Amino acid sequence: MDRPLRIGIALYNDGWYHAAHDAWEPPWLELSSGTEKRFLQGLIQYTAAIHHARGRNWAGATGLAGSAYGYLDGLSGTYRGVDLIPVREGLSALAGDPEWIERTAPPRLVRRGRTLSLSDLDARDCLLAAPVLAAADDYDAETVERACSYAHEAIETGDSNLFLGLCTDFVREPAHRELVYGRLAEHVSRRRSRERDVEGLFDPSS
């Protein structure tokens, strides 16, 4: 759970509140019950409450804020390295007055003394974060997923390739994301074209 937790925190801190939920949901679904499931459920509902408040869906924001507080209330002040005290304070403020979100920025998530952002993610983190970020930012997630699969090849061999660099830049460099995506999509198209050229060449029936 450590990697998805870190990725979700970085997404949240960079303002991708809904995308943070997408990073935390898979490990949450794998858990049947227990404290870790409550912790993730609380974070998921917390970021959803922030998302709804920023969209001025006050009823949705207050309902989720109260529910999230209930999930996190029984946990210690720090759980899995995450400082939950400002989170609970933010949830209390949001439940009492959802328009609070328009007067102040939501508290950033701090883990082990660090306020993680997307620029802090390592290469493996980026390969998981990139498709989530692509879907949230209206890029073609399938293209980015394919690029990440090619980038994994470089990590597994201990080598480097252009896909690894482009995928990490896509996550870490928001100012250049559109340009990086264009290059990434171009190289994915070229790679797929080469793959199709050799498909079936060694099939006995061809």
N, C-alpha and C. Protein backbone atom coordinates (compact mmCIF):
# COMPACT_ATOMS: atom_id res chain seq x y z
N MET A 1 0.82 -1.20 0.00
CA MET A 1 0.00 0.00 0.00
C MET A 1 0.86 1.26 0.00
N ASP A 2 2.12 1.14 0.30
CA ASP A 2 2.97 2.32 0.46
C ASP A 2 3.03 3.16 -0.82
N ARG A 3 3.22 2.52 -1.96
CA ARG A 3 3.36 3.28 -3.20
C ARG A 3 2.05 3.98 -3.60
N PRO A 4 0.90 3.28 -3.63
CA PRO A 4 -0.35 3.99 -3.94
C PRO A 4 -0.66 5.11 -2.95
N LEU A 5 -0.32 4.90 -1.68
CA LEU A 5 -0.55 5.95 -0.69
C LEU A 5 0.26 7.18 -1.03
N ARG A 6 1.53 6.98 -1.34
CA ARG A 6 2.42 8.09 -1.67
C ARG A 6 1.95 8.82 -2.95
N ILE A 7 1.53 8.05 -3.95
CA ILE A 7 1.07 8.65 -5.20
C ILE A 7 -0.19 9.47 -4.97
N GLY A 8 -1.14 8.91 -4.21
CA GLY A 8 -2.37 9.64 -3.94
C GLY A 8 -2.13 10.93 -3.18
N ILE A 9 -1.21 10.89 -2.24
CA ILE A 9 -0.87 12.10 -1.48
C ILE A 9 -0.29 13.16 -2.40
N ALA A 10 0.61 12.76 -3.29
CA ALA A 10 1.22 13.72 -4.22
C ALA A 10 0.18 14.32 -5.15
N LEU A 11 -0.73 13.49 -5.66
CA LEU A 11 -1.80 13.99 -6.51
C LEU A 11 -2.68 14.98 -5.76
N TYR A 12 -3.05 14.62 -4.55
CA TYR A 12 -3.89 15.51 -3.73
C TYR A 12 -3.18 16.84 -3.49
N ASN A 13 -1.94 16.79 -3.09
CA ASN A 13 -1.23 18.03 -2.76
C ASN A 13 -1.03 18.93 -3.97
N ASP A 14 -1.05 18.35 -5.17
CA ASP A 14 -0.94 19.16 -6.38
C ASP A 14 -2.31 19.56 -6.93
N GLY A 15 -3.37 19.30 -6.16
CA GLY A 15 -4.70 19.75 -6.53
C GLY A 15 -5.53 18.79 -7.33
N TRP A 16 -5.04 17.56 -7.53
CA TRP A 16 -5.80 16.55 -8.28
C TRP A 16 -6.60 15.70 -7.29
N TYR A 17 -7.64 16.30 -6.74
CA TYR A 17 -8.38 15.66 -5.65
C TYR A 17 -9.10 14.39 -6.09
N HIS A 18 -9.75 14.44 -7.23
CA HIS A 18 -10.45 13.24 -7.69
C HIS A 18 -9.46 12.15 -8.10
N ALA A 19 -8.36 12.55 -8.72
CA ALA A 19 -7.36 11.57 -9.14
C ALA A 19 -6.72 10.87 -7.95
N ALA A 20 -6.59 11.58 -6.82
CA ALA A 20 -6.05 10.96 -5.61
C ALA A 20 -6.92 9.78 -5.20
N HIS A 21 -8.21 9.96 -5.30
CA HIS A 21 -9.16 8.87 -5.02
C HIS A 21 -8.87 7.66 -5.91
N ASP A 22 -8.59 7.91 -7.20
CA ASP A 22 -8.32 6.82 -8.14
C ASP A 22 -7.04 6.06 -7.78
N ALA A 23 -6.08 6.73 -7.17
CA ALA A 23 -4.85 6.06 -6.76
C ALA A 23 -5.07 5.18 -5.53
N TRP A 24 -5.95 5.61 -4.61
CA TRP A 24 -6.17 4.88 -3.36
C TRP A 24 -7.21 3.77 -3.48
N GLU A 25 -8.08 3.87 -4.47
CA GLU A 25 -9.19 2.91 -4.54
C GLU A 25 -8.74 1.46 -4.74
N PRO A 26 -7.78 1.16 -5.66
CA PRO A 26 -7.40 -0.25 -5.85
C PRO A 26 -6.94 -0.95 -4.56
N PRO A 27 -6.00 -0.36 -3.76
CA PRO A 27 -5.64 -1.07 -2.52
C PRO A 27 -6.80 -1.13 -1.52
N TRP A 28 -7.67 -0.13 -1.52
CA TRP A 28 -8.84 -0.16 -0.63
C TRP A 28 -9.75 -1.33 -0.99
N LEU A 29 -9.95 -1.57 -2.28
CA LEU A 29 -10.82 -2.67 -2.72
C LEU A 29 -10.24 -4.03 -2.36
N GLU A 30 -8.92 -4.12 -2.27
CA GLU A 30 -8.28 -5.40 -1.95
C GLU A 30 -8.41 -5.77 -0.47
N LEU A 31 -8.70 -4.79 0.37
CA LEU A 31 -8.81 -5.03 1.81
C LEU A 31 -10.23 -5.40 2.17
N SER A 32 -10.39 -6.43 3.00
CA SER A 32 -11.74 -6.85 3.39
C SER A 32 -12.28 -6.02 4.54
N SER A 33 -11.43 -5.70 5.49
CA SER A 33 -11.85 -4.91 6.65
C SER A 33 -10.59 -4.49 7.41
N GLY A 34 -10.80 -3.84 8.56
CA GLY A 34 -9.67 -3.50 9.41
C GLY A 34 -9.31 -2.03 9.36
N THR A 35 -8.28 -1.70 10.14
CA THR A 35 -7.88 -0.31 10.31
C THR A 35 -7.36 0.31 9.02
N GLU A 36 -6.60 -0.44 8.25
CA GLU A 36 -6.07 0.11 7.00
C GLU A 36 -7.19 0.45 6.03
N LYS A 37 -8.22 -0.38 5.98
CA LYS A 37 -9.35 -0.10 5.09
C LYS A 37 -10.07 1.16 5.54
N ARG A 38 -10.27 1.30 6.86
CA ARG A 38 -10.90 2.52 7.39
C ARG A 38 -10.07 3.75 7.06
N PHE A 39 -8.77 3.62 7.20
CA PHE A 39 -7.86 4.73 6.91
C PHE A 39 -8.00 5.18 5.46
N LEU A 40 -7.93 4.22 4.52
CA LEU A 40 -8.05 4.56 3.11
C LEU A 40 -9.44 5.09 2.78
N GLN A 41 -10.48 4.48 3.39
CA GLN A 41 -11.84 4.97 3.15
C GLN A 41 -11.97 6.42 3.61
N GLY A 42 -11.37 6.73 4.76
CA GLY A 42 -11.41 8.09 5.26
C GLY A 42 -10.72 9.06 4.33
N LEU A 43 -9.53 8.68 3.82
CA LEU A 43 -8.81 9.56 2.89
C LEU A 43 -9.58 9.74 1.58
N ILE A 44 -10.15 8.64 1.08
CA ILE A 44 -10.91 8.71 -0.16
C ILE A 44 -12.10 9.65 -0.01
N GLN A 45 -12.84 9.51 1.10
CA GLN A 45 -13.99 10.38 1.30
C GLN A 45 -13.56 11.81 1.61
N TYR A 46 -12.42 11.97 2.25
CA TYR A 46 -11.91 13.32 2.52
C TYR A 46 -11.64 14.06 1.22
N THR A 47 -10.89 13.42 0.31
CA THR A 47 -10.56 14.11 -0.93
C THR A 47 -11.80 14.30 -1.80
N ALA A 48 -12.77 13.37 -1.70
CA ALA A 48 -14.03 13.53 -2.43
C ALA A 48 -14.81 14.72 -1.87
N ALA A 49 -14.78 14.90 -0.56
CA ALA A 49 -15.46 16.04 0.06
C ALA A 49 -14.85 17.35 -0.42
N ILE A 50 -13.51 17.40 -0.50
CA ILE A 50 -12.83 18.59 -1.00
C ILE A 50 -13.23 18.85 -2.46
N HIS A 51 -13.25 17.78 -3.25
CA HIS A 51 -13.62 17.88 -4.66
C HIS A 51 -15.03 18.46 -4.81
N HIS A 52 -15.99 17.96 -4.03
CA HIS A 52 -17.37 18.44 -4.13
C HIS A 52 -17.49 19.88 -3.63
N ALA A 53 -16.77 20.21 -2.59
CA ALA A 53 -16.83 21.57 -2.07
C ALA A 53 -16.31 22.56 -3.09
N ARG A 54 -15.23 22.20 -3.76
CA ARG A 54 -14.67 23.11 -4.76
C ARG A 54 -15.61 23.27 -5.95
N GLY A 55 -16.48 22.28 -6.17
CA GLY A 55 -17.51 22.39 -7.20
C GLY A 55 -18.81 22.97 -6.68
N ARG A 56 -18.80 23.46 -5.44
CA ARG A 56 -19.95 24.08 -4.78
C ARG A 56 -21.12 23.13 -4.61
N ASN A 57 -20.83 21.85 -4.51
CA ASN A 57 -21.84 20.86 -4.15
C ASN A 57 -21.82 20.74 -2.63
N TRP A 58 -22.49 21.68 -1.98
CA TRP A 58 -22.36 21.79 -0.53
C TRP A 58 -22.91 20.57 0.20
N ALA A 59 -24.05 20.05 -0.25
CA ALA A 59 -24.64 18.89 0.42
C ALA A 59 -23.72 17.68 0.33
N GLY A 60 -23.17 17.45 -0.88
CA GLY A 60 -22.24 16.33 -1.04
C GLY A 60 -20.99 16.51 -0.20
N ALA A 61 -20.50 17.74 -0.13
CA ALA A 61 -19.28 18.02 0.63
C ALA A 61 -19.48 17.78 2.12
N THR A 62 -20.59 18.30 2.67
CA THR A 62 -20.80 18.14 4.12
C THR A 62 -21.08 16.69 4.49
N GLY A 63 -21.83 15.98 3.64
CA GLY A 63 -22.11 14.57 3.92
C GLY A 63 -20.85 13.73 3.93
N LEU A 64 -20.01 13.94 2.94
CA LEU A 64 -18.76 13.18 2.86
C LEU A 64 -17.79 13.58 3.96
N ALA A 65 -17.78 14.87 4.32
CA ALA A 65 -16.89 15.33 5.39
C ALA A 65 -17.23 14.65 6.71
N GLY A 66 -18.52 14.57 7.00
CA GLY A 66 -18.93 13.89 8.24
C GLY A 66 -18.60 12.42 8.23
N SER A 67 -18.82 11.78 7.09
CA SER A 67 -18.53 10.35 6.97
C SER A 67 -17.03 10.08 7.07
N ALA A 68 -16.23 10.90 6.39
CA ALA A 68 -14.77 10.73 6.43
C ALA A 68 -14.25 10.92 7.84
N TYR A 69 -14.79 11.91 8.54
CA TYR A 69 -14.36 12.14 9.92
C TYR A 69 -14.63 10.90 10.78
N GLY A 70 -15.77 10.27 10.55
CA GLY A 70 -16.09 9.07 11.30
C GLY A 70 -15.09 7.94 11.07
N TYR A 71 -14.64 7.80 9.83
CA TYR A 71 -13.65 6.76 9.54
C TYR A 71 -12.29 7.06 10.17
N LEU A 72 -11.90 8.32 10.20
CA LEU A 72 -10.57 8.68 10.68
C LEU A 72 -10.52 8.98 12.17
N ASP A 73 -11.68 9.18 12.78
CA ASP A 73 -11.72 9.65 14.17
C ASP A 73 -11.07 8.69 15.16
N GLY A 74 -11.20 7.40 14.94
CA GLY A 74 -10.65 6.45 15.89
C GLY A 74 -9.17 6.15 15.72
N LEU A 75 -8.56 6.72 14.69
CA LEU A 75 -7.15 6.45 14.42
C LEU A 75 -6.27 7.42 15.20
N SER A 76 -5.01 7.05 15.36
CA SER A 76 -4.07 7.92 16.07
C SER A 76 -3.80 9.18 15.26
N GLY A 77 -3.13 10.13 15.88
CA GLY A 77 -2.84 11.39 15.19
C GLY A 77 -1.99 11.21 13.95
N THR A 78 -1.16 10.17 13.96
CA THR A 78 -0.35 9.83 12.78
C THR A 78 -0.58 8.36 12.47
N TYR A 79 -0.98 8.09 11.24
CA TYR A 79 -1.21 6.71 10.82
C TYR A 79 -0.56 6.49 9.47
N ARG A 80 0.20 5.41 9.37
CA ARG A 80 0.97 5.13 8.16
C ARG A 80 1.85 6.32 7.78
N GLY A 81 2.27 7.05 8.79
CA GLY A 81 3.13 8.21 8.58
C GLY A 81 2.40 9.48 8.20
N VAL A 82 1.07 9.41 8.01
CA VAL A 82 0.28 10.56 7.58
C VAL A 82 -0.23 11.32 8.81
N ASP A 83 -0.02 12.62 8.83
CA ASP A 83 -0.49 13.47 9.92
C ASP A 83 -1.99 13.69 9.73
N LEU A 84 -2.79 13.06 10.57
CA LEU A 84 -4.25 13.11 10.42
C LEU A 84 -4.90 14.26 11.19
N ILE A 85 -4.16 14.91 12.06
CA ILE A 85 -4.75 15.98 12.86
C ILE A 85 -5.27 17.13 11.98
N PRO A 86 -4.47 17.68 11.05
CA PRO A 86 -5.01 18.73 10.18
C PRO A 86 -6.11 18.24 9.25
N VAL A 87 -6.08 16.95 8.90
CA VAL A 87 -7.14 16.39 8.06
C VAL A 87 -8.46 16.41 8.82
N ARG A 88 -8.44 15.94 10.07
CA ARG A 88 -9.67 15.95 10.86
C ARG A 88 -10.15 17.37 11.14
N GLU A 89 -9.21 18.29 11.35
CA GLU A 89 -9.60 19.69 11.55
C GLU A 89 -10.26 20.25 10.29
N GLY A 90 -9.71 19.91 9.14
CA GLY A 90 -10.30 20.36 7.88
C GLY A 90 -11.68 19.77 7.66
N LEU A 91 -11.84 18.50 8.02
CA LEU A 91 -13.14 17.86 7.87
C LEU A 91 -14.18 18.49 8.79
N SER A 92 -13.79 18.82 10.01
CA SER A 92 -14.71 19.48 10.94
C SER A 92 -15.14 20.84 10.39
N ALA A 93 -14.18 21.59 9.86
CA ALA A 93 -14.48 22.91 9.30
C ALA A 93 -15.41 22.77 8.10
N LEU A 94 -15.14 21.79 7.26
CA LEU A 94 -15.94 21.59 6.05
C LEU A 94 -17.36 21.14 6.38
N ALA A 95 -17.49 20.24 7.36
CA ALA A 95 -18.81 19.77 7.75
C ALA A 95 -19.65 20.89 8.35
N GLY A 96 -19.02 21.80 9.09
CA GLY A 96 -19.73 22.90 9.72
C GLY A 96 -20.05 24.04 8.77
N ASP A 97 -19.19 24.25 7.78
CA ASP A 97 -19.35 25.37 6.85
C ASP A 97 -18.63 25.04 5.56
N PRO A 98 -19.33 24.44 4.60
CA PRO A 98 -18.64 24.00 3.36
C PRO A 98 -18.04 25.15 2.57
N GLU A 99 -18.56 26.36 2.74
CA GLU A 99 -18.00 27.50 2.02
C GLU A 99 -16.64 27.93 2.57
N TRP A 100 -16.24 27.29 3.66
CA TRP A 100 -14.89 27.47 4.19
C TRP A 100 -13.83 27.24 3.12
N ILE A 101 -14.13 26.32 2.20
CA ILE A 101 -13.17 25.96 1.17
C ILE A 101 -12.89 27.13 0.23
N GLU A 102 -13.81 28.10 0.17
CA GLU A 102 -13.62 29.25 -0.70
C GLU A 102 -12.82 30.36 -0.02
N ARG A 103 -12.60 30.21 1.27
CA ARG A 103 -11.86 31.23 2.01
C ARG A 103 -10.44 30.81 2.32
N THR A 104 -10.16 29.53 2.19
CA THR A 104 -8.82 29.04 2.50
C THR A 104 -8.51 27.78 1.70
N ALA A 105 -7.28 27.51 1.48
CA ALA A 105 -6.88 26.28 0.79
C ALA A 105 -7.04 25.09 1.73
N PRO A 106 -7.44 23.94 1.23
CA PRO A 106 -7.53 22.77 2.09
C PRO A 106 -6.16 22.38 2.62
N PRO A 107 -6.11 21.79 3.81
CA PRO A 107 -4.80 21.41 4.35
C PRO A 107 -4.09 20.41 3.45
N ARG A 108 -2.80 20.60 3.29
CA ARG A 108 -2.01 19.66 2.51
C ARG A 108 -1.70 18.43 3.35
N LEU A 109 -1.55 17.30 2.69
CA LEU A 109 -1.25 16.06 3.39
C LEU A 109 0.25 15.95 3.63
N VAL A 110 0.59 15.68 4.88
CA VAL A 110 2.00 15.56 5.28
C VAL A 110 2.26 14.13 5.69
N ARG A 111 3.29 13.54 5.13
CA ARG A 111 3.66 12.17 5.49
C ARG A 111 5.13 12.13 5.88
N ARG A 112 5.36 11.65 7.08
CA ARG A 112 6.73 11.55 7.61
C ARG A 112 7.47 12.88 7.48
N GLY A 113 6.76 13.94 7.77
CA GLY A 113 7.36 15.26 7.78
C GLY A 113 7.51 15.91 6.43
N ARG A 114 7.05 15.25 5.37
CA ARG A 114 7.20 15.79 4.02
C ARG A 114 5.84 16.06 3.39
N THR A 115 5.75 17.17 2.69
CA THR A 115 4.56 17.48 1.90
C THR A 115 4.84 17.07 0.46
N LEU A 116 4.55 15.83 0.16
CA LEU A 116 4.90 15.27 -1.14
C LEU A 116 4.12 15.93 -2.27
N SER A 117 4.80 16.13 -3.39
CA SER A 117 4.15 16.59 -4.62
C SER A 117 4.56 15.65 -5.75
N LEU A 118 3.97 15.84 -6.91
CA LEU A 118 4.28 14.96 -8.03
C LEU A 118 5.75 15.01 -8.42
N SER A 119 6.39 16.14 -8.21
CA SER A 119 7.81 16.26 -8.55
C SER A 119 8.70 15.41 -7.65
N ASP A 120 8.15 14.92 -6.53
CA ASP A 120 8.93 14.09 -5.60
C ASP A 120 8.84 12.60 -5.91
N LEU A 121 7.98 12.21 -6.82
CA LEU A 121 7.77 10.79 -7.09
C LEU A 121 8.95 10.18 -7.84
N ASP A 122 9.27 8.94 -7.49
CA ASP A 122 10.34 8.25 -8.21
C ASP A 122 9.80 7.66 -9.51
N ALA A 123 10.67 7.01 -10.28
CA ALA A 123 10.28 6.54 -11.61
C ALA A 123 9.13 5.53 -11.54
N ARG A 124 9.21 4.57 -10.62
CA ARG A 124 8.14 3.58 -10.51
C ARG A 124 6.82 4.24 -10.11
N ASP A 125 6.88 5.20 -9.20
CA ASP A 125 5.69 5.95 -8.82
C ASP A 125 5.08 6.62 -10.05
N CYS A 126 5.93 7.24 -10.85
CA CYS A 126 5.45 7.98 -12.02
C CYS A 126 4.74 7.08 -13.01
N LEU A 127 5.22 5.85 -13.15
CA LEU A 127 4.59 4.94 -14.10
C LEU A 127 3.21 4.50 -13.65
N LEU A 128 2.94 4.55 -12.36
CA LEU A 128 1.60 4.29 -11.85
C LEU A 128 0.74 5.55 -11.86
N ALA A 129 1.37 6.69 -11.60
CA ALA A 129 0.63 7.94 -11.53
C ALA A 129 0.24 8.47 -12.91
N ALA A 130 1.06 8.21 -13.92
CA ALA A 130 0.85 8.82 -15.24
C ALA A 130 -0.52 8.50 -15.84
N PRO A 131 -0.97 7.22 -15.87
CA PRO A 131 -2.29 6.96 -16.45
C PRO A 131 -3.42 7.60 -15.66
N VAL A 132 -3.29 7.65 -14.33
CA VAL A 132 -4.30 8.29 -13.49
C VAL A 132 -4.38 9.78 -13.82
N LEU A 133 -3.21 10.39 -13.92
CA LEU A 133 -3.14 11.81 -14.22
C LEU A 133 -3.64 12.09 -15.64
N ALA A 134 -3.33 11.21 -16.57
CA ALA A 134 -3.78 11.37 -17.96
C ALA A 134 -5.30 11.40 -18.02
N ALA A 135 -5.94 10.45 -17.34
CA ALA A 135 -7.40 10.40 -17.34
C ALA A 135 -8.00 11.64 -16.70
N ALA A 136 -7.38 12.12 -15.64
CA ALA A 136 -7.89 13.30 -14.93
C ALA A 136 -7.70 14.57 -15.74
N ASP A 137 -6.67 14.61 -16.58
CA ASP A 137 -6.34 15.83 -17.31
C ASP A 137 -6.73 15.76 -18.79
N ASP A 138 -7.64 14.81 -19.10
CA ASP A 138 -8.22 14.69 -20.45
C ASP A 138 -7.21 14.33 -21.54
N TYR A 139 -6.18 13.56 -21.17
CA TYR A 139 -5.30 12.96 -22.18
C TYR A 139 -5.77 11.53 -22.40
N ASP A 140 -5.28 10.91 -23.46
CA ASP A 140 -5.66 9.53 -23.74
C ASP A 140 -4.92 8.59 -22.80
N ALA A 141 -5.66 8.06 -21.82
CA ALA A 141 -5.04 7.22 -20.80
C ALA A 141 -4.47 5.94 -21.38
N GLU A 142 -5.10 5.39 -22.43
CA GLU A 142 -4.60 4.15 -23.03
C GLU A 142 -3.23 4.36 -23.65
N THR A 143 -3.04 5.49 -24.30
CA THR A 143 -1.73 5.80 -24.88
C THR A 143 -0.68 5.91 -23.79
N VAL A 144 -1.03 6.59 -22.70
CA VAL A 144 -0.08 6.76 -21.60
C VAL A 144 0.20 5.42 -20.91
N GLU A 145 -0.82 4.59 -20.76
CA GLU A 145 -0.62 3.26 -20.17
C GLU A 145 0.35 2.44 -21.01
N ARG A 146 0.18 2.51 -22.32
CA ARG A 146 1.08 1.74 -23.20
C ARG A 146 2.52 2.27 -23.09
N ALA A 147 2.66 3.59 -23.04
CA ALA A 147 3.99 4.17 -22.88
C ALA A 147 4.62 3.71 -21.57
N CYS A 148 3.81 3.64 -20.51
CA CYS A 148 4.33 3.20 -19.22
C CYS A 148 4.75 1.73 -19.26
N SER A 149 4.02 0.93 -20.02
CA SER A 149 4.41 -0.49 -20.15
C SER A 149 5.75 -0.60 -20.87
N TYR A 150 6.00 0.23 -21.86
CA TYR A 150 7.29 0.24 -22.53
C TYR A 150 8.39 0.75 -21.58
N ALA A 151 8.03 1.73 -20.76
CA ALA A 151 9.00 2.27 -19.80
C ALA A 151 9.38 1.22 -18.75
N HIS A 152 8.43 0.36 -18.39
CA HIS A 152 8.72 -0.70 -17.41
C HIS A 152 9.83 -1.62 -17.91
N GLU A 153 9.88 -1.79 -19.21
CA GLU A 153 10.93 -2.64 -19.78
C GLU A 153 12.31 -2.10 -19.39
N ALA A 154 12.45 -0.79 -19.42
CA ALA A 154 13.74 -0.18 -19.08
C ALA A 154 14.07 -0.41 -17.62
N ILE A 155 13.07 -0.29 -16.75
CA ILE A 155 13.31 -0.49 -15.32
C ILE A 155 13.70 -1.94 -15.05
N GLU A 156 13.01 -2.87 -15.68
CA GLU A 156 13.27 -4.29 -15.43
C GLU A 156 14.66 -4.70 -15.91
N THR A 157 15.15 -4.08 -16.95
CA THR A 157 16.47 -4.43 -17.47
C THR A 157 17.57 -3.57 -16.86
N GLY A 158 17.16 -2.59 -16.01
CA GLY A 158 18.14 -1.69 -15.43
C GLY A 158 18.70 -0.72 -16.43
N ASP A 159 18.00 -0.60 -17.55
CA ASP A 159 18.45 0.25 -18.65
C ASP A 159 17.67 1.55 -18.62
N SER A 160 17.73 2.27 -19.70
CA SER A 160 16.94 3.49 -19.83
C SER A 160 16.40 3.55 -21.25
N ASN A 161 15.23 4.14 -21.41
CA ASN A 161 14.72 4.38 -22.75
C ASN A 161 13.93 5.67 -22.75
N LEU A 162 13.58 6.13 -23.92
CA LEU A 162 12.93 7.43 -24.02
C LEU A 162 11.56 7.42 -23.36
N PHE A 163 10.89 6.25 -23.32
CA PHE A 163 9.57 6.18 -22.70
C PHE A 163 9.65 6.46 -21.20
N LEU A 164 10.69 5.95 -20.57
CA LEU A 164 10.85 6.19 -19.13
C LEU A 164 11.01 7.68 -18.85
N GLY A 165 11.84 8.34 -19.62
CA GLY A 165 12.03 9.77 -19.42
C GLY A 165 10.77 10.57 -19.70
N LEU A 166 10.05 10.22 -20.76
CA LEU A 166 8.84 10.95 -21.10
C LEU A 166 7.74 10.73 -20.08
N CYS A 167 7.59 9.51 -19.59
CA CYS A 167 6.54 9.23 -18.61
C CYS A 167 6.81 9.95 -17.29
N THR A 168 8.06 9.99 -16.87
CA THR A 168 8.37 10.71 -15.64
C THR A 168 8.19 12.21 -15.83
N ASP A 169 8.58 12.73 -16.98
CA ASP A 169 8.38 14.16 -17.25
C ASP A 169 6.89 14.50 -17.32
N PHE A 170 6.09 13.60 -17.86
CA PHE A 170 4.64 13.83 -17.95
C PHE A 170 4.04 14.07 -16.57
N VAL A 171 4.54 13.33 -15.59
CA VAL A 171 4.04 13.47 -14.22
C VAL A 171 4.67 14.67 -13.52
N ARG A 172 5.97 14.83 -13.65
CA ARG A 172 6.69 15.80 -12.82
C ARG A 172 6.72 17.22 -13.38
N GLU A 173 6.43 17.38 -14.67
CA GLU A 173 6.59 18.69 -15.32
C GLU A 173 5.26 19.21 -15.85
N PRO A 174 4.40 19.73 -14.99
CA PRO A 174 3.07 20.18 -15.45
C PRO A 174 3.11 21.28 -16.51
N ALA A 175 4.10 22.15 -16.44
CA ALA A 175 4.19 23.24 -17.41
C ALA A 175 4.46 22.73 -18.82
N HIS A 176 5.05 21.54 -18.92
CA HIS A 176 5.40 20.99 -20.23
C HIS A 176 4.59 19.73 -20.56
N ARG A 177 3.53 19.48 -19.79
CA ARG A 177 2.80 18.21 -19.93
C ARG A 177 2.23 18.03 -21.33
N GLU A 178 1.66 19.06 -21.91
CA GLU A 178 1.06 18.93 -23.23
C GLU A 178 2.12 18.59 -24.28
N LEU A 179 3.25 19.27 -24.21
CA LEU A 179 4.35 19.00 -25.14
C LEU A 179 4.88 17.58 -24.96
N VAL A 180 5.07 17.17 -23.71
CA VAL A 180 5.57 15.83 -23.41
C VAL A 180 4.60 14.78 -23.92
N TYR A 181 3.30 15.02 -23.70
CA TYR A 181 2.31 14.05 -24.18
C TYR A 181 2.37 13.91 -25.70
N GLY A 182 2.55 15.02 -26.41
CA GLY A 182 2.63 14.95 -27.86
C GLY A 182 3.79 14.06 -28.31
N ARG A 183 4.94 14.22 -27.69
CA ARG A 183 6.11 13.39 -28.03
C ARG A 183 5.86 11.94 -27.65
N LEU A 184 5.25 11.76 -26.48
CA LEU A 184 4.98 10.41 -26.00
C LEU A 184 4.03 9.68 -26.95
N ALA A 185 2.95 10.36 -27.36
CA ALA A 185 1.98 9.75 -28.27
C ALA A 185 2.62 9.41 -29.61
N GLU A 186 3.50 10.28 -30.08
CA GLU A 186 4.20 10.03 -31.35
C GLU A 186 5.07 8.79 -31.26
N HIS A 187 5.82 8.65 -30.17
CA HIS A 187 6.71 7.49 -30.03
C HIS A 187 5.93 6.20 -29.78
N VAL A 188 4.81 6.28 -29.09
CA VAL A 188 3.96 5.11 -28.91
C VAL A 188 3.42 4.65 -30.26
N SER A 189 2.98 5.59 -31.08
CA SER A 189 2.47 5.25 -32.41
C SER A 189 3.54 4.57 -33.26
N ARG A 190 4.76 5.07 -33.21
CA ARG A 190 5.85 4.47 -33.97
C ARG A 190 6.15 3.06 -33.47
N ARG A 191 6.17 2.91 -32.15
CA ARG A 191 6.46 1.58 -31.57
C ARG A 191 5.37 0.59 -31.94
N ARG A 192 4.11 1.01 -31.88
CA ARG A 192 3.01 0.12 -32.23
C ARG A 192 3.07 -0.26 -33.70
N SER A 193 3.46 0.70 -34.54
CA SER A 193 3.57 0.41 -35.97
C SER A 193 4.63 -0.65 -36.22
N ARG A 194 5.76 -0.56 -35.55
CA ARG A 194 6.82 -1.57 -35.70
C ARG A 194 6.35 -2.93 -35.18
N GLU A 195 5.60 -2.91 -34.09
CA GLU A 195 5.10 -4.18 -33.54
C GLU A 195 4.12 -4.84 -34.51
N ARG A 196 3.26 -4.04 -35.12
CA ARG A 196 2.30 -4.62 -36.08
C ARG A 196 3.01 -5.16 -37.32
N ASP A 197 4.12 -4.54 -37.68
CA ASP A 197 4.86 -4.99 -38.87
C ASP A 197 5.42 -6.41 -38.69
N VAL A 198 5.73 -6.79 -37.47
CA VAL A 198 6.32 -8.13 -37.25
C VAL A 198 5.33 -9.13 -36.68
N GLU A 199 4.12 -8.68 -36.35
CA GLU A 199 3.11 -9.60 -35.81
C GLU A 199 2.79 -10.68 -36.85
N GLY A 200 2.83 -11.91 -36.43
CA GLY A 200 2.48 -13.03 -37.29
C GLY A 200 3.56 -13.51 -38.23
N LEU A 201 4.72 -12.83 -38.22
CA LEU A 201 5.77 -13.24 -39.16
C LEU A 201 6.26 -14.67 -38.88
N PHE A 202 6.22 -15.07 -37.62
CA PHE A 202 6.74 -16.39 -37.28
C PHE A 202 5.61 -17.40 -36.99
N ASP A 203 4.39 -17.01 -37.35
CA ASP A 203 3.24 -17.91 -37.21
C ASP A 203 3.31 -18.96 -38.32
N PRO A 204 3.27 -20.26 -37.98
CA PRO A 204 3.38 -21.31 -39.01
C PRO A 204 2.32 -21.19 -40.10
N SER A 205 1.19 -20.58 -39.80
CA SER A 205 0.12 -20.50 -40.78
C SER A 205 0.30 -19.32 -41.72
N SER A 206 1.29 -18.43 -41.43
CA SER A 206 1.45 -17.25 -42.28
C SER A 206 2.29 -17.58 -43.52
